[in-house]
């Protein structure tokens, strides 16, 4: 049976590679991974290619109002984007599961904004299939922002925390 840290390393390797699907079997255990982005990127061109072909006039009419709405959103998000990229480390979820900020409802959160963390510091738990997986900070630094709410479902690779690395 693989340890959680070994599974995390496999996930990182598959994520960084060009492999779209990975299966590992050993002593009755089986791990199967598929990249979600790879599936979406294959479907997106099909939808885009089929939409403009039937009617060219309607997408042009729809295209005029559409840029006005997104233009307002990036202006609001612009201050956050540079801040999140400048010396901030994202702690991401290594699996799909439920995010918990503390070990039990009665106890306090592992970390809060402004707390100092070390590489080995547990920052949260992600529960998947009745297994409670402790997530570590991975870097030394200070918690700048908590991006997930207690009890929220999180996806693989979803940012959970922003840490200002030392």
Protein backbone atom coordinates (compact mmCIF):
# COMPACT_ATOMS: atom_id res chain seq x y z
CA UNK A 1 0.00 0.00 0.00
CA UNK A 2 1.33 3.42 -0.96
CA UNK A 3 1.72 6.16 1.62
CA UNK A 4 -0.07 9.49 1.14
CA UNK A 5 3.24 11.29 0.51
CA UNK A 6 4.09 8.78 -2.25
CA UNK A 7 0.67 9.31 -3.84
CA UNK A 8 1.18 13.09 -3.68
CA UNK A 9 4.52 12.72 -5.45
CA UNK A 10 2.93 10.58 -8.18
CA UNK A 11 0.18 13.19 -8.60
CA UNK A 12 2.76 15.99 -8.95
CA UNK A 13 4.78 13.99 -11.49
CA UNK A 14 1.71 13.18 -13.59
CA UNK A 15 0.54 16.80 -13.34
CA UNK A 16 3.88 18.14 -14.56
CA UNK A 17 4.16 15.63 -17.39
CA UNK A 18 2.34 15.43 -20.71
CA UNK A 19 0.64 12.19 -19.60
CA UNK A 20 -3.15 12.52 -19.71
CA UNK A 21 -4.01 9.27 -17.92
CA UNK A 22 -2.08 7.11 -15.43
CA UNK A 23 -2.89 3.73 -13.82
CA UNK A 24 -0.86 1.95 -11.14
CA UNK A 25 -1.65 -1.50 -9.71
CA UNK A 26 0.27 -3.23 -6.93
CA UNK A 27 -0.73 -6.01 -4.52
CA UNK A 28 -4.45 -5.58 -5.06
CA UNK A 29 -4.38 -1.76 -4.84
CA UNK A 30 -5.14 0.36 -7.88
CA UNK A 31 -4.63 4.08 -8.51
CA UNK A 32 -6.04 5.68 -11.64
CA UNK A 33 -5.57 9.37 -12.53
CA UNK A 34 -6.90 11.43 -15.41
CA UNK A 35 -6.15 15.06 -16.11
CA UNK A 36 -9.34 17.10 -16.13
CA UNK A 37 -7.80 19.93 -18.20
CA UNK A 38 -6.86 17.54 -20.99
CA UNK A 39 -10.49 16.45 -21.38
CA UNK A 40 -11.76 20.02 -21.37
CA UNK A 41 -9.19 21.21 -23.90
CA UNK A 42 -10.30 18.48 -26.31
CA UNK A 43 -13.97 19.40 -25.95
CA UNK A 44 -13.59 23.18 -26.10
CA UNK A 45 -12.43 23.41 -29.75
CA UNK A 46 -15.36 21.24 -30.85
CA UNK A 47 -17.88 23.55 -29.20
CA UNK A 48 -16.17 26.71 -30.46
CA UNK A 49 -15.86 25.35 -34.00
CA UNK A 50 -19.50 24.31 -34.21
CA UNK A 51 -20.98 27.50 -32.72
CA UNK A 52 -19.70 30.10 -35.22
CA UNK A 53 -20.26 27.91 -38.32
CA UNK A 54 -24.10 27.99 -38.45
CA UNK A 55 -24.65 31.72 -37.97
CA UNK A 56 -21.91 34.32 -38.14
CA UNK A 57 -24.16 37.35 -37.57
CA UNK A 58 -25.44 36.32 -34.11
CA UNK A 59 -22.02 35.76 -32.46
CA UNK A 60 -20.99 39.25 -33.66
CA UNK A 61 -24.11 40.78 -32.11
CA UNK A 62 -23.54 38.85 -28.88
CA UNK A 63 -19.81 39.66 -28.91
CA UNK A 64 -20.39 43.44 -28.57
CA UNK A 65 -22.10 43.36 -25.13
CA UNK A 66 -19.98 40.44 -23.81
CA UNK A 67 -16.64 42.33 -23.64
CA UNK A 68 -18.24 45.07 -21.54
CA UNK A 69 -19.11 42.69 -18.66
CA UNK A 70 -15.74 40.85 -18.48
CA UNK A 71 -13.86 44.15 -18.80
CA UNK A 72 -15.29 45.24 -15.43
CA UNK A 73 -14.33 41.97 -13.70
CA UNK A 74 -10.60 41.93 -14.60
CA UNK A 75 -10.34 45.53 -13.41
CA UNK A 76 -11.59 44.42 -9.99
CA UNK A 77 -9.43 41.28 -9.95
CA UNK A 78 -6.30 43.02 -11.28
CA UNK A 79 -5.02 44.04 -7.82
CA UNK A 80 -5.34 40.44 -6.55
CA UNK A 81 -3.55 38.80 -9.49
CA UNK A 82 -0.17 40.53 -9.08
CA UNK A 83 -0.35 40.15 -5.29
CA UNK A 84 -0.94 36.40 -5.57
CA UNK A 85 2.00 35.97 -7.95
CA UNK A 86 4.53 38.15 -6.09
CA UNK A 87 6.45 35.89 -3.69
CA UNK A 88 3.32 33.98 -2.64
CA UNK A 89 3.22 30.20 -2.55
CA UNK A 90 -0.09 28.43 -3.20
CA UNK A 91 -0.85 25.42 -1.04
CA UNK A 92 -3.07 23.29 -3.26
CA UNK A 93 -5.30 20.33 -2.61
CA UNK A 94 -3.55 17.07 -3.54
CA UNK A 95 -6.91 15.35 -4.07
CA UNK A 96 -10.64 15.80 -4.47
CA UNK A 97 -12.34 15.91 -1.08
CA UNK A 98 -13.82 18.02 1.70
CA UNK A 99 -11.74 20.83 3.22
CA UNK A 100 -11.63 21.07 7.01
CA UNK A 101 -9.83 23.93 8.78
CA UNK A 102 -9.61 22.01 12.08
CA UNK A 103 -9.36 18.44 13.35
CA UNK A 104 -12.85 18.59 14.91
CA UNK A 105 -15.74 21.07 15.11
CA UNK A 106 -14.90 21.80 18.76
CA UNK A 107 -11.21 22.63 18.19
CA UNK A 108 -9.78 25.78 16.64
CA UNK A 109 -8.49 26.08 13.09
CA UNK A 110 -5.00 24.78 12.36
CA UNK A 111 -4.00 28.18 10.95
CA UNK A 112 -5.48 31.61 10.39
CA UNK A 113 -4.38 34.65 8.39
CA UNK A 114 -1.14 36.05 9.81
CA UNK A 115 0.05 32.77 11.36
CA UNK A 116 3.65 31.68 10.77
CA UNK A 117 4.03 28.15 9.37
CA UNK A 118 6.93 25.78 8.73
CA UNK A 119 7.23 23.19 5.94
CA UNK A 120 5.91 20.41 8.20
CA UNK A 121 3.09 22.47 9.73
CA UNK A 122 -0.37 20.97 9.21
CA UNK A 123 -2.62 23.69 7.75
CA UNK A 124 -5.83 21.73 7.14
CA UNK A 125 -7.38 18.34 6.47
CA UNK A 126 -8.84 17.11 3.19
CA UNK A 127 -11.22 14.21 3.74
CA UNK A 128 -11.63 11.79 0.86
CA UNK A 129 -13.52 8.50 1.11
CA UNK A 130 -13.55 8.57 4.94
CA UNK A 131 -9.77 9.11 5.07
CA UNK A 132 -8.61 12.32 6.74
CA UNK A 133 -5.44 13.56 5.02
CA UNK A 134 -3.37 16.20 6.79
CA UNK A 135 -2.11 18.86 4.38
CA UNK A 136 1.25 20.43 5.19
CA UNK A 137 2.42 23.97 4.40
CA UNK A 138 5.31 22.81 2.14
CA UNK A 139 7.16 26.13 2.77
CA UNK A 140 8.20 28.30 5.67
CA UNK A 141 6.28 31.56 5.77
CA UNK A 142 3.16 33.44 6.81
CA UNK A 143 -0.46 32.64 5.88
CA UNK A 144 -1.70 35.56 3.77
CA UNK A 145 -5.09 34.26 2.65
CA UNK A 146 -7.33 31.23 3.20
CA UNK A 147 -9.04 30.43 -0.09
CA UNK A 148 -11.36 27.58 0.99
CA UNK A 149 -14.18 27.51 3.52
CA UNK A 150 -14.65 24.86 6.19
CA UNK A 151 -16.72 21.96 4.83
CA UNK A 152 -16.26 23.06 1.20
CA UNK A 153 -15.67 20.47 -1.52
CA UNK A 154 -12.29 21.04 -3.16
CA UNK A 155 -10.84 19.77 -6.42
CA UNK A 156 -7.40 18.36 -7.14
CA UNK A 157 -4.96 21.24 -7.57
CA UNK A 158 -7.36 23.85 -6.18
CA UNK A 159 -5.50 26.54 -4.20
CA UNK A 160 -6.36 26.38 -0.49
CA UNK A 161 -3.95 28.91 1.04
CA UNK A 162 -1.61 31.69 -0.04
CA UNK A 163 1.65 31.80 1.95
CA UNK A 164 4.23 34.57 1.88
CA UNK A 165 7.40 32.48 1.79
CA UNK A 166 10.36 33.45 3.99
